[in-house]
C-alpha atoms as a PDB file:
ATOM      1  CA  UNK A   1       0.151  -0.264  -0.130  1.00  0.00           C
ATOM      2  CA  UNK A   2       3.173   2.750   0.720  1.00  0.00           C
ATOM      3  CA  UNK A   3       4.658   1.491  -2.381  1.00  0.00           C
ATOM      4  CA  UNK A   4       2.139   1.721  -4.388  1.00  0.00           C
ATOM      5  CA  UNK A   5       0.811   5.796  -2.663  1.00  0.00           C
ATOM      6  CA  UNK A   6       4.615   6.261  -3.134  1.00  0.00           C
ATOM      7  CA  UNK A   7       4.924   5.517  -6.854  1.00  0.00           C
ATOM      8  CA  UNK A   8       1.136   7.391  -7.258  1.00  0.00           C
ATOM      9  CA  UNK A   9       2.039  10.661  -5.853  1.00  0.00           C
ATOM     10  CA  UNK A  10       6.189  11.301  -6.250  1.00  0.00           C
ATOM     11  CA  UNK A  11       8.521   9.080  -7.762  1.00  0.00           C
ATOM     12  CA  UNK A  12      11.240   7.316  -6.066  1.00  0.00           C
ATOM     13  CA  UNK A  13      14.279   9.830  -5.924  1.00  0.00           C
ATOM     14  CA  UNK A  14      11.810  12.332  -4.587  1.00  0.00           C
ATOM     15  CA  UNK A  15      10.825   9.911  -2.169  1.00  0.00           C
ATOM     16  CA  UNK A  16      14.378   9.162  -1.156  1.00  0.00           C
ATOM     17  CA  UNK A  17      15.397  12.760  -0.880  1.00  0.00           C
ATOM     18  CA  UNK A  18      12.287  13.491   1.354  1.00  0.00           C
ATOM     19  CA  UNK A  19      13.305  11.000   3.464  1.00  0.00           C
ATOM     20  CA  UNK A  20      16.626  11.763   3.679  1.00  0.00           C
ATOM     21  CA  UNK A  21      15.592  15.328   4.702  1.00  0.00           C
ATOM     22  CA  UNK A  22      13.432  14.326   7.411  1.00  0.00           C
ATOM     23  CA  UNK A  23      15.982  12.346   8.886  1.00  0.00           C
ATOM     24  CA  UNK A  24      18.728  15.035   8.623  1.00  0.00           C
ATOM     25  CA  UNK A  25      16.151  17.129  10.531  1.00  0.00           C
ATOM     26  CA  UNK A  26      15.882  14.870  13.211  1.00  0.00           C
ATOM     27  CA  UNK A  27      19.436  14.241  13.624  1.00  0.00           C
ATOM     28  CA  UNK A  28      20.101  17.997  14.291  1.00  0.00           C
ATOM     29  CA  UNK A  29      17.327  18.598  16.247  1.00  0.00           C
ATOM     30  CA  UNK A  30      18.743  15.802  18.765  1.00  0.00           C
ATOM     31  CA  UNK A  31      22.116  17.165  18.174  1.00  0.00           C
ATOM     32  CA  UNK A  32      21.022  20.946  19.293  1.00  0.00           C
ATOM     33  CA  UNK A  33      18.993  19.434  21.779  1.00  0.00           C
ATOM     34  CA  UNK A  34      21.615  16.934  23.678  1.00  0.00           C
ATOM     35  CA  UNK A  35      23.995  19.737  23.220  1.00  0.00           C
ATOM     36  CA  UNK A  36      21.951  22.232  25.277  1.00  0.00           C
ATOM     37  CA  UNK A  37      21.546  19.399  28.234  1.00  0.00           C
ATOM     38  CA  UNK A  38      25.344  18.854  28.163  1.00  0.00           C
ATOM     39  CA  UNK A  39      26.140  22.519  28.010  1.00  0.00           C
ATOM     40  CA  UNK A  40      23.453  22.876  31.590  1.00  0.00           C
ATOM     41  CA  UNK A  41      25.327  19.812  32.619  1.00  0.00           C
ATOM     42  CA  UNK A  42      28.868  21.599  32.562  1.00  0.00           C
ATOM     43  CA  UNK A  43      27.649  24.829  33.863  1.00  0.00           C
ATOM     44  CA  UNK A  44      26.227  22.898  36.942  1.00  0.00           C
ATOM     45  CA  UNK A  45      29.549  20.453  37.784  1.00  0.00           C
ATOM     46  CA  UNK A  46      31.241  23.975  37.720  1.00  0.00           C
ATOM     47  CA  UNK A  47      29.233  25.814  39.794  1.00  0.00           C
ATOM     48  CA  UNK A  48      29.539  22.638  42.019  1.00  0.00           C
ATOM     49  CA  UNK A  49      33.343  22.353  41.788  1.00  0.00           C
ATOM     50  CA  UNK A  50      33.708  25.887  43.324  1.00  0.00           C
ATOM     51  CA  UNK A  51      31.434  25.620  45.869  1.00  0.00           C
ATOM     52  CA  UNK A  52      32.246  22.121  46.916  1.00  0.00           C
ATOM     53  CA  UNK A  53      36.256  22.791  47.939  1.00  0.00           C
ATOM     54  CA  UNK A  54      36.188  26.005  49.198  1.00  0.00           C
ATOM     55  CA  UNK A  55      35.957  25.829  53.314  1.00  0.00           C
ATOM     56  CA  UNK A  56      33.506  28.298  55.196  1.00  0.00           C
ATOM     57  CA  UNK A  57      36.577  29.635  57.128  1.00  0.00           C
ATOM     58  CA  UNK A  58      38.467  30.691  53.634  1.00  0.00           C
ATOM     59  CA  UNK A  59      36.022  32.179  52.793  1.00  0.00           C
ATOM     60  CA  UNK A  60      35.029  34.292  56.076  1.00  0.00           C
ATOM     61  CA  UNK A  61      38.877  35.108  56.309  1.00  0.00           C
ATOM     62  CA  UNK A  62      38.843  36.612  52.626  1.00  0.00           C
ATOM     63  CA  UNK A  63      35.905  38.245  53.021  1.00  0.00           C
ATOM     64  CA  UNK A  64      36.900  39.976  56.808  1.00  0.00           C
ATOM     65  CA  UNK A  65      38.740  42.932  54.783  1.00  0.00           C
ATOM     66  CA  UNK A  66      35.726  43.898  53.249  1.00  0.00           C
ATOM     67  CA  UNK A  67      34.224  45.872  56.316  1.00  0.00           C
ATOM     68  CA  UNK A  68      37.218  47.664  56.809  1.00  0.00           C
ATOM     69  CA  UNK A  69      37.698  48.892  53.004  1.00  0.00           C
ATOM     70  CA  UNK A  70      34.625  50.781  53.415  1.00  0.00           C
ATOM     71  CA  UNK A  71      35.671  54.284  53.836  1.00  0.00           C
ATOM     72  CA  UNK A  72      32.426  56.324  54.499  1.00  0.00           C
ATOM     73  CA  UNK A  73      31.834  56.315  58.062  1.00  0.00           C
ATOM     74  CA  UNK A  74      28.191  55.983  58.114  1.00  0.00           C
ATOM     75  CA  UNK A  75      28.069  53.359  55.651  1.00  0.00           C
ATOM     76  CA  UNK A  76      30.502  51.468  57.937  1.00  0.00           C
ATOM     77  CA  UNK A  77      28.650  52.195  61.222  1.00  0.00           C
ATOM     78  CA  UNK A  78      25.149  50.928  59.333  1.00  0.00           C
ATOM     79  CA  UNK A  79      26.624  47.354  57.802  1.00  0.00           C
ATOM     80  CA  UNK A  80      28.177  47.028  61.612  1.00  0.00           C
ATOM     81  CA  UNK A  81      24.761  46.580  62.664  1.00  0.00           C
ATOM     82  CA  UNK A  82      23.762  43.902  60.792  1.00  0.00           C
ATOM     83  CA  UNK A  83      24.065  40.644  62.300  1.00  0.00           C
ATOM     84  CA  UNK A  84      26.710  38.015  61.177  1.00  0.00           C
ATOM     85  CA  UNK A  85      24.500  36.361  58.606  1.00  0.00           C
ATOM     86  CA  UNK A  86      23.876  39.178  56.797  1.00  0.00           C
ATOM     87  CA  UNK A  87      27.140  40.940  56.623  1.00  0.00           C
ATOM     88  CA  UNK A  88      28.485  37.381  55.589  1.00  0.00           C
ATOM     89  CA  UNK A  89      26.083  36.919  52.544  1.00  0.00           C
ATOM     90  CA  UNK A  90      26.429  40.918  51.686  1.00  0.00           C
ATOM     91  CA  UNK A  91      29.990  40.673  50.982  1.00  0.00           C
ATOM     92  CA  UNK A  92      29.861  37.368  49.520  1.00  0.00           C
ATOM     93  CA  UNK A  93      27.340  38.924  47.142  1.00  0.00           C
ATOM     94  CA  UNK A  94      28.326  42.595  46.575  1.00  0.00           C
ATOM     95  CA  UNK A  95      31.947  41.882  47.470  1.00  0.00           C
ATOM     96  CA  UNK A  96      33.510  39.003  46.456  1.00  0.00           C
ATOM     97  CA  UNK A  97      30.722  38.367  43.520  1.00  0.00           C
ATOM     98  CA  UNK A  98      29.031  35.140  44.324  1.00  0.00           C
ATOM     99  CA  UNK A  99      25.589  34.615  43.070  1.00  0.00           C
ATOM    100  CA  UNK A 100      22.492  33.972  45.438  1.00  0.00           C
ATOM    101  CA  UNK A 101      22.759  30.252  43.826  1.00  0.00           C
ATOM    102  CA  UNK A 102      26.675  29.853  45.006  1.00  0.00           C
ATOM    103  CA  UNK A 103      26.078  31.937  48.320  1.00  0.00           C
ATOM    104  CA  UNK A 104      23.317  29.436  48.916  1.00  0.00           C
ATOM    105  CA  UNK A 105      25.605  25.945  47.892  1.00  0.00           C
ATOM    106  CA  UNK A 106      29.049  27.336  50.226  1.00  0.00           C
ATOM    107  CA  UNK A 107      26.541  28.660  53.354  1.00  0.00           C
ATOM    108  CA  UNK A 108      24.428  25.044  53.118  1.00  0.00           C
ATOM    109  CA  UNK A 109      21.354  26.870  52.999  1.00  0.00           C
ATOM    110  CA  UNK A 110      18.346  27.613  50.237  1.00  0.00           C
ATOM    111  CA  UNK A 111      18.663  30.309  47.387  1.00  0.00           C
ATOM    112  CA  UNK A 112      15.153  31.319  48.652  1.00  0.00           C
ATOM    113  CA  UNK A 113      16.823  31.776  52.351  1.00  0.00           C
ATOM    114  CA  UNK A 114      19.586  33.906  50.963  1.00  0.00           C
ATOM    115  CA  UNK A 115      17.099  36.075  48.956  1.00  0.00           C
ATOM    116  CA  UNK A 116      15.292  36.859  51.972  1.00  0.00           C
ATOM    117  CA  UNK A 117      18.414  37.360  54.257  1.00  0.00           C
ATOM    118  CA  UNK A 118      19.810  39.843  51.629  1.00  0.00           C
ATOM    119  CA  UNK A 119      16.868  41.853  50.661  1.00  0.00           C
ATOM    120  CA  UNK A 120      16.238  42.680  54.382  1.00  0.00           C
ATOM    121  CA  UNK A 121      19.610  43.450  54.845  1.00  0.00           C
ATOM    122  CA  UNK A 122      19.563  46.008  52.397  1.00  0.00           C
ATOM    123  CA  UNK A 123      16.134  47.279  53.531  1.00  0.00           C
ATOM    124  CA  UNK A 124      17.911  47.491  56.975  1.00  0.00           C
ATOM    125  CA  UNK A 125      21.264  49.514  55.847  1.00  0.00           C
ATOM    126  CA  UNK A 126      18.421  51.897  53.487  1.00  0.00           C
ATOM    127  CA  UNK A 127      16.708  52.739  56.858  1.00  0.00           C
ATOM    128  CA  UNK A 128      19.868  53.260  58.631  1.00  0.00           C
ATOM    129  CA  UNK A 129      22.290  55.130  55.669  1.00  0.00           C
ATOM    130  CA  UNK A 130      19.292  57.176  54.606  1.00  0.00           C
END
Protein backbone atom coordinates (compact mmCIF):
# COMPACT_ATOMS: atom_id res chain seq x y z
CA UNK A 1 0.00 0.00 0.00
CA UNK A 2 2.79 2.46 0.89
CA UNK A 3 4.65 1.48 -2.24
CA UNK A 4 1.56 2.11 -4.35
CA UNK A 5 1.02 5.50 -2.68
CA UNK A 6 4.64 6.45 -3.24
CA UNK A 7 4.49 5.44 -6.89
CA UNK A 8 1.27 7.29 -7.49
CA UNK A 9 2.10 10.59 -5.72
CA UNK A 10 5.85 11.10 -6.05
CA UNK A 11 8.77 9.42 -7.70
CA UNK A 12 11.08 7.10 -5.83
CA UNK A 13 13.90 9.64 -6.07
CA UNK A 14 11.76 12.43 -4.61
CA UNK A 15 10.68 10.13 -1.79
CA UNK A 16 14.32 9.28 -0.95
CA UNK A 17 15.26 12.97 -0.93
CA UNK A 18 12.30 13.74 1.34
CA UNK A 19 13.20 10.91 3.75
CA UNK A 20 16.84 11.98 3.78
CA UNK A 21 15.76 15.53 4.67
CA UNK A 22 13.54 14.23 7.50
CA UNK A 23 16.38 12.14 8.93
CA UNK A 24 18.82 15.06 8.71
CA UNK A 25 16.34 17.38 10.44
CA UNK A 26 15.68 14.79 13.13
CA UNK A 27 19.41 14.35 13.69
CA UNK A 28 19.93 18.13 13.86
CA UNK A 29 17.11 18.52 16.42
CA UNK A 30 18.58 15.68 18.50
CA UNK A 31 22.06 17.27 18.51
CA UNK A 32 20.60 20.70 19.34
CA UNK A 33 18.67 19.41 22.35
CA UNK A 34 21.51 17.24 23.63
CA UNK A 35 24.00 20.06 23.25
CA UNK A 36 21.73 22.24 25.39
CA UNK A 37 21.55 19.58 28.11
CA UNK A 38 25.30 19.01 27.95
CA UNK A 39 25.97 22.72 28.32
CA UNK A 40 23.61 22.86 31.29
CA UNK A 41 25.35 19.88 32.87
CA UNK A 42 28.78 21.43 32.39
CA UNK A 43 27.59 24.63 34.04
CA UNK A 44 26.20 22.74 37.00
CA UNK A 45 29.40 20.73 37.36
CA UNK A 46 31.52 23.87 37.27
CA UNK A 47 29.32 25.58 39.86
CA UNK A 48 29.46 22.50 42.04
CA UNK A 49 33.24 22.34 41.81
CA UNK A 50 33.50 26.00 42.84
CA UNK A 51 31.42 25.53 45.94
CA UNK A 52 32.42 21.99 46.80
CA UNK A 53 36.05 22.64 47.68
CA UNK A 54 36.00 26.06 49.38
CA UNK A 55 35.84 25.77 53.17
CA UNK A 56 33.61 28.33 54.89
CA UNK A 57 36.52 29.47 57.09
CA UNK A 58 38.45 30.50 53.98
CA UNK A 59 35.52 32.54 52.69
CA UNK A 60 35.08 34.27 56.03
CA UNK A 61 38.80 35.11 56.18
CA UNK A 62 38.70 36.44 52.59
CA UNK A 63 35.72 38.67 53.34
CA UNK A 64 37.06 39.95 56.64
CA UNK A 65 38.61 42.95 54.86
CA UNK A 66 35.23 44.01 53.51
CA UNK A 67 34.16 46.11 56.48
CA UNK A 68 37.60 47.68 56.82
CA UNK A 69 37.56 48.68 53.13
CA UNK A 70 34.47 50.88 53.57
CA UNK A 71 35.67 54.44 53.97
CA UNK A 72 32.34 56.19 54.53
CA UNK A 73 31.85 56.18 58.29
CA UNK A 74 28.04 56.30 58.14
CA UNK A 75 27.85 53.29 55.78
CA UNK A 76 30.49 51.48 57.83
CA UNK A 77 28.41 51.93 60.99
CA UNK A 78 25.22 50.85 59.20
CA UNK A 79 26.87 47.62 58.02
CA UNK A 80 28.25 46.97 61.51
CA UNK A 81 24.65 46.99 62.80
CA UNK A 82 23.74 44.02 60.57
CA UNK A 83 23.87 40.58 62.16
CA UNK A 84 26.78 38.33 61.19
CA UNK A 85 24.77 36.27 58.68
CA UNK A 86 23.46 39.39 56.92
CA UNK A 87 26.97 40.87 56.81
CA UNK A 88 28.44 37.63 55.45
CA UNK A 89 25.83 37.37 52.68
CA UNK A 90 26.24 41.06 51.74
CA UNK A 91 30.01 40.53 51.56
CA UNK A 92 29.77 37.34 49.50
CA UNK A 93 27.25 38.70 46.99
CA UNK A 94 28.42 42.30 46.57
CA UNK A 95 32.10 42.22 47.47
CA UNK A 96 33.23 38.71 46.48
CA UNK A 97 30.86 38.52 43.49
CA UNK A 98 29.18 35.19 44.28
CA UNK A 99 25.67 34.66 42.94
CA UNK A 100 22.85 33.99 45.38
CA UNK A 101 22.82 30.35 44.25
CA UNK A 102 26.57 29.94 44.85
CA UNK A 103 26.27 31.66 48.23
CA UNK A 104 23.46 29.30 49.19
CA UNK A 105 25.52 26.23 48.27
CA UNK A 106 28.53 27.46 50.22
CA UNK A 107 26.45 28.29 53.30
CA UNK A 108 24.40 25.08 52.97
CA UNK A 109 21.04 26.82 52.79
CA UNK A 110 18.45 27.53 50.09
CA UNK A 111 18.73 30.30 47.52
CA UNK A 112 15.37 31.60 48.77
CA UNK A 113 16.84 31.97 52.26
CA UNK A 114 19.86 33.88 50.91
CA UNK A 115 17.51 36.14 48.95
CA UNK A 116 15.35 36.79 52.03
CA UNK A 117 18.34 37.59 54.26
CA UNK A 118 19.82 39.81 51.55
CA UNK A 119 16.57 41.72 51.08
CA UNK A 120 16.21 42.30 54.82
CA UNK A 121 19.83 43.41 55.10
CA UNK A 122 19.45 45.88 52.23
CA UNK A 123 16.21 47.22 53.72
CA UNK A 124 17.95 47.69 57.07
CA UNK A 125 20.93 49.40 55.40
CA UNK A 126 18.63 51.79 53.56
CA UNK A 127 16.89 52.72 56.82
CA UNK A 128 20.21 53.22 58.62
CA UNK A 129 22.13 54.89 55.82
CA UNK A 130 19.52 57.30 54.46
